[in-house]
Amino acid sequence: MSINISTTPTEGGCRVAVFGEVDVSNASALRDVLDEQLSSGEGALAVDLADVPYIDSTGIGVLVGAAHRAKDLGRALSVERPQRNVARVLSLLGVGADLNVTGAQE
């Protein structure tokens, strides 16, 4: 399984858009992009999950780890527009606050 990831500079930071299912087979690609953006960029980092229909525990771990690194660097990280089922999993795991989840899709 593969995912596509694009990065776009934004006013005050960067947006990382993820397309496809995030699981153990490809979560390292997401980790690499987030690590790169955290180490080379400045400002807020928004992770757009609008086109992610499924994310497993490995992918969620990548997001939580990135959120903790962002906090250590004094940067904000948010997860934006997760699909309803993804938002539900994040909520059930209690990581919604750590990830600053906004704009969950209905």
PDB file of N, CA and C in Angstrom:
ATOM      1  N   MET A   1       0.838  -1.173   0.000  1.00  0.00           N
ATOM      2  CA  MET A   1       0.000   0.000   0.000  1.00  0.00           C
ATOM      3  C   MET A   1       0.886   1.239   0.000  1.00  0.00           C
ATOM      4  N   SER A   2       0.471   2.263  -0.715  1.00  0.00           N
ATOM      5  CA  SER A   2       1.282   3.465  -0.758  1.00  0.00           C
ATOM      6  C   SER A   2       0.433   4.680  -0.438  1.00  0.00           C
ATOM      7  N   ILE A   3       1.124   5.719  -0.004  1.00  0.00           N
ATOM      8  CA  ILE A   3       0.469   6.992   0.244  1.00  0.00           C
ATOM      9  C   ILE A   3       1.199   8.053  -0.570  1.00  0.00           C
ATOM     10  N   ASN A   4       0.515   9.144  -0.812  1.00  0.00           N
ATOM     11  CA  ASN A   4       1.120  10.309  -1.438  1.00  0.00           C
ATOM     12  C   ASN A   4       1.097  11.424  -0.409  1.00  0.00           C
ATOM     13  N   ILE A   5       2.182  12.173  -0.357  1.00  0.00           N
ATOM     14  CA  ILE A   5       2.304  13.254   0.605  1.00  0.00           C
ATOM     15  C   ILE A   5       2.807  14.479  -0.138  1.00  0.00           C
ATOM     16  N   SER A   6       2.134  15.597   0.077  1.00  0.00           N
ATOM     17  CA  SER A   6       2.604  16.849  -0.519  1.00  0.00           C
ATOM     18  C   SER A   6       2.758  17.890   0.579  1.00  0.00           C
ATOM     19  N   THR A   7       3.718  18.775   0.390  1.00  0.00           N
ATOM     20  CA  THR A   7       3.921  19.857   1.340  1.00  0.00           C
ATOM     21  C   THR A   7       3.728  21.179   0.625  1.00  0.00           C
ATOM     22  N   THR A   8       3.100  22.112   1.308  1.00  0.00           N
ATOM     23  CA  THR A   8       2.830  23.427   0.760  1.00  0.00           C
ATOM     24  C   THR A   8       3.138  24.469   1.822  1.00  0.00           C
ATOM     25  N   PRO A   9       3.973  25.436   1.495  1.00  0.00           N
ATOM     26  CA  PRO A   9       4.191  26.513   2.460  1.00  0.00           C
ATOM     27  C   PRO A   9       2.890  27.286   2.684  1.00  0.00           C
ATOM     28  N   THR A  10       2.680  27.710   3.905  1.00  0.00           N
ATOM     29  CA  THR A  10       1.514  28.523   4.241  1.00  0.00           C
ATOM     30  C   THR A  10       2.003  29.765   4.960  1.00  0.00           C
ATOM     31  N   GLU A  11       1.113  30.708   5.101  1.00  0.00           N
ATOM     32  CA  GLU A  11       1.463  31.895   5.866  1.00  0.00           C
ATOM     33  C   GLU A  11       1.684  31.461   7.313  1.00  0.00           C
ATOM     34  N   GLY A  12       2.910  31.531   7.749  1.00  0.00           N
ATOM     35  CA  GLY A  12       3.230  31.165   9.125  1.00  0.00           C
ATOM     36  C   GLY A  12       3.580  29.706   9.329  1.00  0.00           C
ATOM     37  N   GLY A  13       3.830  28.945   8.264  1.00  0.00           N
ATOM     38  CA  GLY A  13       4.186  27.548   8.472  1.00  0.00           C
ATOM     39  C   GLY A  13       4.132  26.698   7.226  1.00  0.00           C
ATOM     40  N   CYS A  14       3.610  25.487   7.387  1.00  0.00           N
ATOM     41  CA  CYS A  14       3.582  24.526   6.287  1.00  0.00           C
ATOM     42  C   CYS A  14       2.378  23.596   6.452  1.00  0.00           C
ATOM     43  N   ARG A  15       1.804  23.183   5.330  1.00  0.00           N
ATOM     44  CA  ARG A  15       0.719  22.196   5.319  1.00  0.00           C
ATOM     45  C   ARG A  15       1.242  20.927   4.659  1.00  0.00           C
ATOM     46  N   VAL A  16       1.024  19.804   5.331  1.00  0.00           N
ATOM     47  CA  VAL A  16       1.379  18.494   4.799  1.00  0.00           C
ATOM     48  C   VAL A  16       0.067  17.774   4.503  1.00  0.00           C
ATOM     49  N   ALA A  17      -0.205  17.516   3.242  1.00  0.00           N
ATOM     50  CA  ALA A  17      -1.426  16.823   2.842  1.00  0.00           C
ATOM     51  C   ALA A  17      -1.090  15.361   2.562  1.00  0.00           C
ATOM     52  N   VAL A  18      -1.884  14.477   3.149  1.00  0.00           N
ATOM     53  CA  VAL A  18      -1.668  13.039   3.013  1.00  0.00           C
ATOM     54  C   VAL A  18      -2.836  12.444   2.228  1.00  0.00           C
ATOM     55  N   PHE A  19      -2.510  11.569   1.278  1.00  0.00           N
ATOM     56  CA  PHE A  19      -3.520  10.938   0.429  1.00  0.00           C
ATOM     57  C   PHE A  19      -3.341   9.426   0.493  1.00  0.00           C
ATOM     58  N   GLY A  20      -4.374   8.701   0.928  1.00  0.00           N
ATOM     59  CA  GLY A  20      -4.324   7.245   0.975  1.00  0.00           C
ATOM     60  C   GLY A  20      -4.372   6.716   2.395  1.00  0.00           C
ATOM     61  N   GLU A  21      -4.353   5.410   2.517  1.00  0.00           N
ATOM     62  CA  GLU A  21      -4.399   4.755   3.821  1.00  0.00           C
ATOM     63  C   GLU A  21      -3.009   4.748   4.449  1.00  0.00           C
ATOM     64  N   VAL A  22      -2.941   5.156   5.717  1.00  0.00           N
ATOM     65  CA  VAL A  22      -1.671   5.185   6.431  1.00  0.00           C
ATOM     66  C   VAL A  22      -1.619   3.969   7.351  1.00  0.00           C
ATOM     67  N   ASP A  23      -0.625   3.109   7.124  1.00  0.00           N
ATOM     68  CA  ASP A  23      -0.491   1.912   7.953  1.00  0.00           C
ATOM     69  C   ASP A  23       0.975   1.577   8.152  1.00  0.00           C
ATOM     70  N   VAL A  24       1.218   0.440   8.774  1.00  0.00           N
ATOM     71  CA  VAL A  24       2.589   0.053   9.120  1.00  0.00           C
ATOM     72  C   VAL A  24       3.501  -0.027   7.894  1.00  0.00           C
ATOM     73  N   SER A  25       2.927  -0.301   6.732  1.00  0.00           N
ATOM     74  CA  SER A  25       3.753  -0.447   5.530  1.00  0.00           C
ATOM     75  C   SER A  25       4.262   0.871   4.970  1.00  0.00           C
ATOM     76  N   ASN A  26       3.638   1.990   5.357  1.00  0.00           N
ATOM     77  CA  ASN A  26       4.043   3.265   4.763  1.00  0.00           C
ATOM     78  C   ASN A  26       4.156   4.417   5.759  1.00  0.00           C
ATOM     79  N   ALA A  27       3.942   4.150   7.034  1.00  0.00           N
ATOM     80  CA  ALA A  27       3.989   5.221   8.034  1.00  0.00           C
ATOM     81  C   ALA A  27       5.368   5.874   8.103  1.00  0.00           C
ATOM     82  N   SER A  28       6.413   5.138   7.767  1.00  0.00           N
ATOM     83  CA  SER A  28       7.761   5.712   7.802  1.00  0.00           C
ATOM     84  C   SER A  28       7.902   6.852   6.794  1.00  0.00           C
ATOM     85  N   ALA A  29       7.187   6.790   5.672  1.00  0.00           N
ATOM     86  CA  ALA A  29       7.228   7.878   4.692  1.00  0.00           C
ATOM     87  C   ALA A  29       6.638   9.150   5.296  1.00  0.00           C
ATOM     88  N   LEU A  30       5.549   9.004   6.028  1.00  0.00           N
ATOM     89  CA  LEU A  30       4.940  10.155   6.700  1.00  0.00           C
ATOM     90  C   LEU A  30       5.877  10.684   7.778  1.00  0.00           C
ATOM     91  N   ARG A  31       6.479   9.786   8.544  1.00  0.00           N
ATOM     92  CA  ARG A  31       7.441  10.197   9.586  1.00  0.00           C
ATOM     93  C   ARG A  31       8.581  11.003   8.979  1.00  0.00           C
ATOM     94  N   ASP A  32       9.118  10.534   7.851  1.00  0.00           N
ATOM     95  CA  ASP A  32      10.238  11.214   7.202  1.00  0.00           C
ATOM     96  C   ASP A  32       9.863  12.639   6.790  1.00  0.00           C
ATOM     97  N   VAL A  33       8.683  12.794   6.196  1.00  0.00           N
ATOM     98  CA  VAL A  33       8.244  14.123   5.760  1.00  0.00           C
ATOM     99  C   VAL A  33       8.033  15.039   6.964  1.00  0.00           C
ATOM    100  N   LEU A  34       7.378  14.533   7.999  1.00  0.00           N
ATOM    101  CA  LEU A  34       7.137  15.364   9.184  1.00  0.00           C
ATOM    102  C   LEU A  34       8.439  15.735   9.874  1.00  0.00           C
ATOM    103  N   ASP A  35       9.351  14.780   9.979  1.00  0.00           N
ATOM    104  CA  ASP A  35      10.660  15.073  10.578  1.00  0.00           C
ATOM    105  C   ASP A  35      11.395  16.156   9.785  1.00  0.00           C
ATOM    106  N   GLU A  36      11.359  16.036   8.472  1.00  0.00           N
ATOM    107  CA  GLU A  36      12.024  17.021   7.621  1.00  0.00           C
ATOM    108  C   GLU A  36      11.426  18.410   7.824  1.00  0.00           C
ATOM    109  N   GLN A  37      10.105  18.481   7.848  1.00  0.00           N
ATOM    110  CA  GLN A  37       9.443  19.775   8.025  1.00  0.00           C
ATOM    111  C   GLN A  37       9.716  20.361   9.408  1.00  0.00           C
ATOM    112  N   LEU A  38       9.770  19.513  10.410  1.00  0.00           N
ATOM    113  CA  LEU A  38      10.039  20.012  11.763  1.00  0.00           C
ATOM    114  C   LEU A  38      11.476  20.479  11.912  1.00  0.00           C
ATOM    115  N   SER A  39      12.404  19.814  11.250  1.00  0.00           N
ATOM    116  CA  SER A  39      13.805  20.189  11.410  1.00  0.00           C
ATOM    117  C   SER A  39      14.220  21.349  10.513  1.00  0.00           C
ATOM    118  N   SER A  40      13.533  21.545   9.397  1.00  0.00           N
ATOM    119  CA  SER A  40      13.969  22.567   8.457  1.00  0.00           C
ATOM    120  C   SER A  40      13.059  23.793   8.403  1.00  0.00           C
ATOM    121  N   GLY A  41      11.853  23.657   8.896  1.00  0.00           N
ATOM    122  CA  GLY A  41      10.904  24.753   8.765  1.00  0.00           C
ATOM    123  C   GLY A  41      10.708  25.526  10.043  1.00  0.00           C
ATOM    124  N   GLU A  42       9.818  26.480   9.962  1.00  0.00           N
ATOM    125  CA  GLU A  42       9.449  27.295  11.105  1.00  0.00           C
ATOM    126  C   GLU A  42       7.940  27.459  11.101  1.00  0.00           C
ATOM    127  N   GLY A  43       7.406  27.860  12.222  1.00  0.00           N
ATOM    128  CA  GLY A  43       5.989  28.145  12.318  1.00  0.00           C
ATOM    129  C   GLY A  43       5.165  26.881  12.510  1.00  0.00           C
ATOM    130  N   ALA A  44       3.877  27.043  12.297  1.00  0.00           N
ATOM    131  CA  ALA A  44       2.922  25.957  12.528  1.00  0.00           C
ATOM    132  C   ALA A  44       3.003  24.903  11.431  1.00  0.00           C
ATOM    133  N   LEU A  45       2.742  23.671  11.819  1.00  0.00           N
ATOM    134  CA  LEU A  45       2.717  22.554  10.881  1.00  0.00           C
ATOM    135  C   LEU A  45       1.318  21.945  10.927  1.00  0.00           C
ATOM    136  N   ALA A  46       0.616  21.991   9.811  1.00  0.00           N
ATOM    137  CA  ALA A  46      -0.724  21.434   9.707  1.00  0.00           C
ATOM    138  C   ALA A  46      -0.658  20.150   8.881  1.00  0.00           C
ATOM    139  N   VAL A  47      -1.236  19.078   9.410  1.00  0.00           N
ATOM    140  CA  VAL A  47      -1.279  17.799   8.701  1.00  0.00           C
ATOM    141  C   VAL A  47      -2.722  17.590   8.253  1.00  0.00           C
ATOM    142  N   ASP A  48      -2.958  17.649   6.962  1.00  0.00           N
ATOM    143  CA  ASP A  48      -4.293  17.536   6.389  1.00  0.00           C
ATOM    144  C   ASP A  48      -4.599  16.072   6.082  1.00  0.00           C
ATOM    145  N   LEU A  49      -5.578  15.519   6.786  1.00  0.00           N
ATOM    146  CA  LEU A  49      -5.953  14.109   6.602  1.00  0.00           C
ATOM    147  C   LEU A  49      -7.285  13.944   5.874  1.00  0.00           C
ATOM    148  N   ALA A  50      -7.718  14.958   5.147  1.00  0.00           N
ATOM    149  CA  ALA A  50      -9.012  14.892   4.467  1.00  0.00           C
ATOM    150  C   ALA A  50      -9.109  13.724   3.497  1.00  0.00           C
ATOM    151  N   ASP A  51      -7.988  13.291   2.940  1.00  0.00           N
ATOM    152  CA  ASP A  51      -7.985  12.210   1.958  1.00  0.00           C
ATOM    153  C   ASP A  51      -7.388  10.921   2.507  1.00  0.00           C
ATOM    154  N   VAL A  52      -7.490  10.751   3.827  1.00  0.00           N
ATOM    155  CA  VAL A  52      -7.014   9.532   4.491  1.00  0.00           C
ATOM    156  C   VAL A  52      -8.235   8.795   5.055  1.00  0.00           C
ATOM    157  N   PRO A  53      -8.658   7.710   4.390  1.00  0.00           N
ATOM    158  CA  PRO A  53      -9.826   6.977   4.870  1.00  0.00           C
ATOM    159  C   PRO A  53      -9.527   6.038   6.035  1.00  0.00           C
ATOM    160  N   TYR A  54      -8.232   5.730   6.262  1.00  0.00           N
ATOM    161  CA  TYR A  54      -7.862   4.769   7.308  1.00  0.00           C
ATOM    162  C   TYR A  54      -6.467   5.102   7.804  1.00  0.00           C
ATOM    163  N   ILE A  55      -6.280   5.000   9.122  1.00  0.00           N
ATOM    164  CA  ILE A  55      -4.956   5.143   9.718  1.00  0.00           C
ATOM    165  C   ILE A  55      -4.854   4.140  10.854  1.00  0.00           C
ATOM    166  N   ASP A  56      -3.749   3.381  10.889  1.00  0.00           N
ATOM    167  CA  ASP A  56      -3.595   2.387  11.949  1.00  0.00           C
ATOM    168  C   ASP A  56      -2.781   2.970  13.097  1.00  0.00           C
ATOM    169  N   SER A  57      -2.508   2.137  14.094  1.00  0.00           N
ATOM    170  CA  SER A  57      -1.819   2.609  15.297  1.00  0.00           C
ATOM    171  C   SER A  57      -0.409   3.102  14.991  1.00  0.00           C
ATOM    172  N   THR A  58       0.231   2.537  13.994  1.00  0.00           N
ATOM    173  CA  THR A  58       1.573   3.000  13.626  1.00  0.00           C
ATOM    174  C   THR A  58       1.510   4.432  13.096  1.00  0.00           C
ATOM    175  N   GLY A  59       0.552   4.698  12.236  1.00  0.00           N
ATOM    176  CA  GLY A  59       0.383   6.049  11.700  1.00  0.00           C
ATOM    177  C   GLY A  59       0.017   7.045  12.784  1.00  0.00           C
ATOM    178  N   ILE A  60      -0.843   6.627  13.702  1.00  0.00           N
ATOM    179  CA  ILE A  60      -1.214   7.509  14.812  1.00  0.00           C
ATOM    180  C   ILE A  60       0.013   7.782  15.682  1.00  0.00           C
ATOM    181  N   GLY A  61       0.829   6.764  15.892  1.00  0.00           N
ATOM    182  CA  GLY A  61       2.062   6.945  16.659  1.00  0.00           C
ATOM    183  C   GLY A  61       2.990   7.950  16.003  1.00  0.00           C
ATOM    184  N   VAL A  62       3.053   7.936  14.673  1.00  0.00           N
ATOM    185  CA  VAL A  62       3.872   8.910  13.934  1.00  0.00           C
ATOM    186  C   VAL A  62       3.352  10.324  14.198  1.00  0.00           C
ATOM    187  N   LEU A  63       2.033  10.505  14.149  1.00  0.00           N
ATOM    188  CA  LEU A  63       1.458  11.825  14.384  1.00  0.00           C
ATOM    189  C   LEU A  63       1.713  12.307  15.808  1.00  0.00           C
ATOM    190  N   VAL A  64       1.519  11.415  16.781  1.00  0.00           N
ATOM    191  CA  VAL A  64       1.734  11.793  18.180  1.00  0.00           C
ATOM    192  C   VAL A  64       3.207  12.127  18.423  1.00  0.00           C
ATOM    193  N   GLY A  65       4.103  11.319  17.876  1.00  0.00           N
ATOM    194  CA  GLY A  65       5.529  11.603  18.012  1.00  0.00           C
ATOM    195  C   GLY A  65       5.898  12.949  17.409  1.00  0.00           C
ATOM    196  N   ALA A  66       5.345  13.255  16.243  1.00  0.00           N
ATOM    197  CA  ALA A  66       5.610  14.542  15.601  1.00  0.00           C
ATOM    198  C   ALA A  66       5.058  15.697  16.434  1.00  0.00           C
ATOM    199  N   ALA A  67       3.884  15.490  17.029  1.00  0.00           N
ATOM    200  CA  ALA A  67       3.302  16.535  17.883  1.00  0.00           C
ATOM    201  C   ALA A  67       4.194  16.807  19.084  1.00  0.00           C
ATOM    202  N   HIS A  68       4.752  15.771  19.680  1.00  0.00           N
ATOM    203  CA  HIS A  68       5.649  15.955  20.827  1.00  0.00           C
ATOM    204  C   HIS A  68       6.944  16.649  20.406  1.00  0.00           C
ATOM    205  N   ARG A  69       7.483  16.275  19.255  1.00  0.00           N
ATOM    206  CA  ARG A  69       8.695  16.946  18.757  1.00  0.00           C
ATOM    207  C   ARG A  69       8.417  18.416  18.458  1.00  0.00           C
ATOM    208  N   ALA A  70       7.253  18.688  17.858  1.00  0.00           N
ATOM    209  CA  ALA A  70       6.886  20.070  17.563  1.00  0.00           C
ATOM    210  C   ALA A  70       6.812  20.882  18.853  1.00  0.00           C
ATOM    211  N   LYS A  71       6.191  20.320  19.862  1.00  0.00           N
ATOM    212  CA  LYS A  71       6.074  21.013  21.150  1.00  0.00           C
ATOM    213  C   LYS A  71       7.461  21.290  21.727  1.00  0.00           C
ATOM    214  N   ASP A  72       8.357  20.313  21.663  1.00  0.00           N
ATOM    215  CA  ASP A  72       9.725  20.492  22.165  1.00  0.00           C
ATOM    216  C   ASP A  72      10.453  21.609  21.421  1.00  0.00           C
ATOM    217  N   LEU A  73      10.091  21.800  20.146  1.00  0.00           N
ATOM    218  CA  LEU A  73      10.724  22.832  19.322  1.00  0.00           C
ATOM    219  C   LEU A  73      10.008  24.181  19.424  1.00  0.00           C
ATOM    220  N   GLY A  74       8.950  24.223  20.219  1.00  0.00           N
ATOM    221  CA  GLY A  74       8.180  25.458  20.352  1.00  0.00           C
ATOM    222  C   GLY A  74       7.301  25.753  19.159  1.00  0.00           C
ATOM    223  N   ARG A  75       6.930  24.711  18.432  1.00  0.00           N
ATOM    224  CA  ARG A  75       6.087  24.862  17.245  1.00  0.00           C
ATOM    225  C   ARG A  75       4.735  24.217  17.489  1.00  0.00           C
ATOM    226  N   ALA A  76       3.756  24.652  16.740  1.00  0.00           N
ATOM    227  CA  ALA A  76       2.417  24.079  16.826  1.00  0.00           C
ATOM    228  C   ALA A  76       2.232  23.050  15.721  1.00  0.00           C
ATOM    229  N   LEU A  77       1.609  21.936  16.057  1.00  0.00           N
ATOM    230  CA  LEU A  77       1.230  20.933  15.064  1.00  0.00           C
ATOM    231  C   LEU A  77      -0.249  20.670  15.244  1.00  0.00           C
ATOM    232  N   SER A  78      -0.966  20.631  14.131  1.00  0.00           N
ATOM    233  CA  SER A  78      -2.388  20.303  14.175  1.00  0.00           C
ATOM    234  C   SER A  78      -2.713  19.285  13.102  1.00  0.00           C
ATOM    235  N   VAL A  79      -3.718  18.473  13.384  1.00  0.00           N
ATOM    236  CA  VAL A  79      -4.258  17.533  12.404  1.00  0.00           C
ATOM    237  C   VAL A  79      -5.582  18.118  11.955  1.00  0.00           C
ATOM    238  N   GLU A  80      -5.709  18.329  10.660  1.00  0.00           N
ATOM    239  CA  GLU A  80      -6.880  19.006  10.126  1.00  0.00           C
ATOM    240  C   GLU A  80      -7.715  18.106   9.228  1.00  0.00           C
ATOM    241  N   ARG A  81      -9.012  18.316   9.306  1.00  0.00           N
ATOM    242  CA  ARG A  81     -10.018  17.713   8.427  1.00  0.00           C
ATOM    243  C   ARG A  81      -9.990  16.189   8.335  1.00  0.00           C
ATOM    244  N   PRO A  82      -9.780  15.486   9.451  1.00  0.00           N
ATOM    245  CA  PRO A  82      -9.819  14.023   9.348  1.00  0.00           C
ATOM    246  C   PRO A  82     -11.220  13.546   8.985  1.00  0.00           C
ATOM    247  N   GLN A  83     -11.278  12.487   8.202  1.00  0.00           N
ATOM    248  CA  GLN A  83     -12.566  11.877   7.906  1.00  0.00           C
ATOM    249  C   GLN A  83     -13.175  11.355   9.213  1.00  0.00           C
ATOM    250  N   ARG A  84     -14.479  11.184   9.207  1.00  0.00           N
ATOM    251  CA  ARG A  84     -15.207  10.846  10.433  1.00  0.00           C
ATOM    252  C   ARG A  84     -14.642   9.614  11.133  1.00  0.00           C
ATOM    253  N   ASN A  85     -14.351   8.557  10.391  1.00  0.00           N
ATOM    254  CA  ASN A  85     -13.851   7.331  11.022  1.00  0.00           C
ATOM    255  C   ASN A  85     -12.447   7.526  11.599  1.00  0.00           C
ATOM    256  N   VAL A  86     -11.626   8.331  10.943  1.00  0.00           N
ATOM    257  CA  VAL A  86     -10.285   8.622  11.458  1.00  0.00           C
ATOM    258  C   VAL A  86     -10.399   9.484  12.713  1.00  0.00           C
ATOM    259  N   ALA A  87     -11.246  10.498  12.670  1.00  0.00           N
ATOM    260  CA  ALA A  87     -11.457  11.360  13.847  1.00  0.00           C
ATOM    261  C   ALA A  87     -11.964  10.540  15.027  1.00  0.00           C
ATOM    262  N   ARG A  88     -12.824   9.585  14.751  1.00  0.00           N
ATOM    263  CA  ARG A  88     -13.371   8.731  15.820  1.00  0.00           C
ATOM    264  C   ARG A  88     -12.261   7.920  16.487  1.00  0.00           C
ATOM    265  N   VAL A  89     -11.367   7.344  15.691  1.00  0.00           N
ATOM    266  CA  VAL A  89     -10.264   6.565  16.246  1.00  0.00           C
ATOM    267  C   VAL A  89      -9.354   7.463  17.084  1.00  0.00           C
ATOM    268  N   LEU A  90      -9.052   8.651  16.587  1.00  0.00           N
ATOM    269  CA  LEU A  90      -8.211   9.579  17.342  1.00  0.00           C
ATOM    270  C   LEU A  90      -8.866   9.937  18.679  1.00  0.00           C
ATOM    271  N   SER A  91     -10.169  10.131  18.635  1.00  0.00           N
ATOM    272  CA  SER A  91     -10.904  10.461  19.854  1.00  0.00           C
ATOM    273  C   SER A  91     -10.925   9.287  20.831  1.00  0.00           C
ATOM    274  N   LEU A  92     -11.190   8.087  20.321  1.00  0.00           N
ATOM    275  CA  LEU A  92     -11.234   6.903  21.180  1.00  0.00           C
ATOM    276  C   LEU A  92      -9.890   6.634  21.853  1.00  0.00           C
ATOM    277  N   LEU A  93      -8.807   6.944  21.154  1.00  0.00           N
ATOM    278  CA  LEU A  93      -7.476   6.735  21.712  1.00  0.00           C
ATOM    279  C   LEU A  93      -7.047   7.877  22.631  1.00  0.00           C
ATOM    280  N   GLY A  94      -7.840   8.938  22.666  1.00  0.00           N
ATOM    281  CA  GLY A  94      -7.548  10.060  23.549  1.00  0.00           C
ATOM    282  C   GLY A  94      -6.391  10.927  23.105  1.00  0.00           C
ATOM    283  N   VAL A  95      -6.097  10.949  21.812  1.00  0.00           N
ATOM    284  CA  VAL A  95      -4.971  11.750  21.319  1.00  0.00           C
ATOM    285  C   VAL A  95      -5.429  13.017  20.594  1.00  0.00           C
ATOM    286  N   GLY A  96      -6.719  13.253  20.573  1.00  0.00           N
ATOM    287  CA  GLY A  96      -7.245  14.427  19.877  1.00  0.00           C
ATOM    288  C   GLY A  96      -6.663  15.728  20.385  1.00  0.00           C
ATOM    289  N   ALA A  97      -6.505  15.861  21.699  1.00  0.00           N
ATOM    290  CA  ALA A  97      -5.953  17.096  22.265  1.00  0.00           C
ATOM    291  C   ALA A  97      -4.474  17.238  21.921  1.00  0.00           C
ATOM    292  N   ASP A  98      -3.714  16.138  22.008  1.00  0.00           N
ATOM    293  CA  ASP A  98      -2.287  16.184  21.658  1.00  0.00           C
ATOM    294  C   ASP A  98      -2.084  16.618  20.208  1.00  0.00           C
ATOM    295  N   LEU A  99      -3.006  16.208  19.352  1.00  0.00           N
ATOM    296  CA  LEU A  99      -2.873  16.472  17.920  1.00  0.00           C
ATOM    297  C   LEU A  99      -3.607  17.735  17.470  1.00  0.00           C
ATOM    298  N   ASN A 100      -4.263  18.424  18.402  1.00  0.00           N
ATOM    299  CA  ASN A 100      -4.996  19.642  18.049  1.00  0.00           C
ATOM    300  C   ASN A 100      -5.882  19.422  16.830  1.00  0.00           C
ATOM    301  N   VAL A 101      -6.725  18.396  16.899  1.00  0.00           N
ATOM    302  CA  VAL A 101      -7.576  18.024  15.765  1.00  0.00           C
ATOM    303  C   VAL A 101      -8.621  19.114  15.514  1.00  0.00           C
ATOM    304  N   THR A 102      -8.691  19.557  14.269  1.00  0.00           N
ATOM    305  CA  THR A 102      -9.670  20.573  13.893  1.00  0.00           C
ATOM    306  C   THR A 102     -10.379  20.157  12.614  1.00  0.00           C
ATOM    307  N   GLY A 103     -11.601  20.630  12.451  1.00  0.00           N
ATOM    308  CA  GLY A 103     -12.326  20.458  11.200  1.00  0.00           C
ATOM    309  C   GLY A 103     -12.656  19.041  10.821  1.00  0.00           C
ATOM    310  N   ALA A 104     -12.977  18.191  11.806  1.00  0.00           N
ATOM    311  CA  ALA A 104     -13.343  16.815  11.480  1.00  0.00           C
ATOM    312  C   ALA A 104     -14.523  16.813  10.524  1.00  0.00           C
ATOM    313  N   GLN A 105     -14.471  15.960   9.523  1.00  0.00           N
ATOM    314  CA  GLN A 105     -15.527  15.874   8.521  1.00  0.00           C
ATOM    315  C   GLN A 105     -16.716  15.102   9.086  1.00  0.00           C
ATOM    316  N   GLU A 106     -17.887  15.516   8.679  1.00  0.00           N
ATOM    317  CA  GLU A 106     -19.124  14.854   9.121  1.00  0.00           C
ATOM    318  C   GLU A 106     -19.414  13.649   8.269  1.00  0.00           C
TER     319      GLU A 106
END
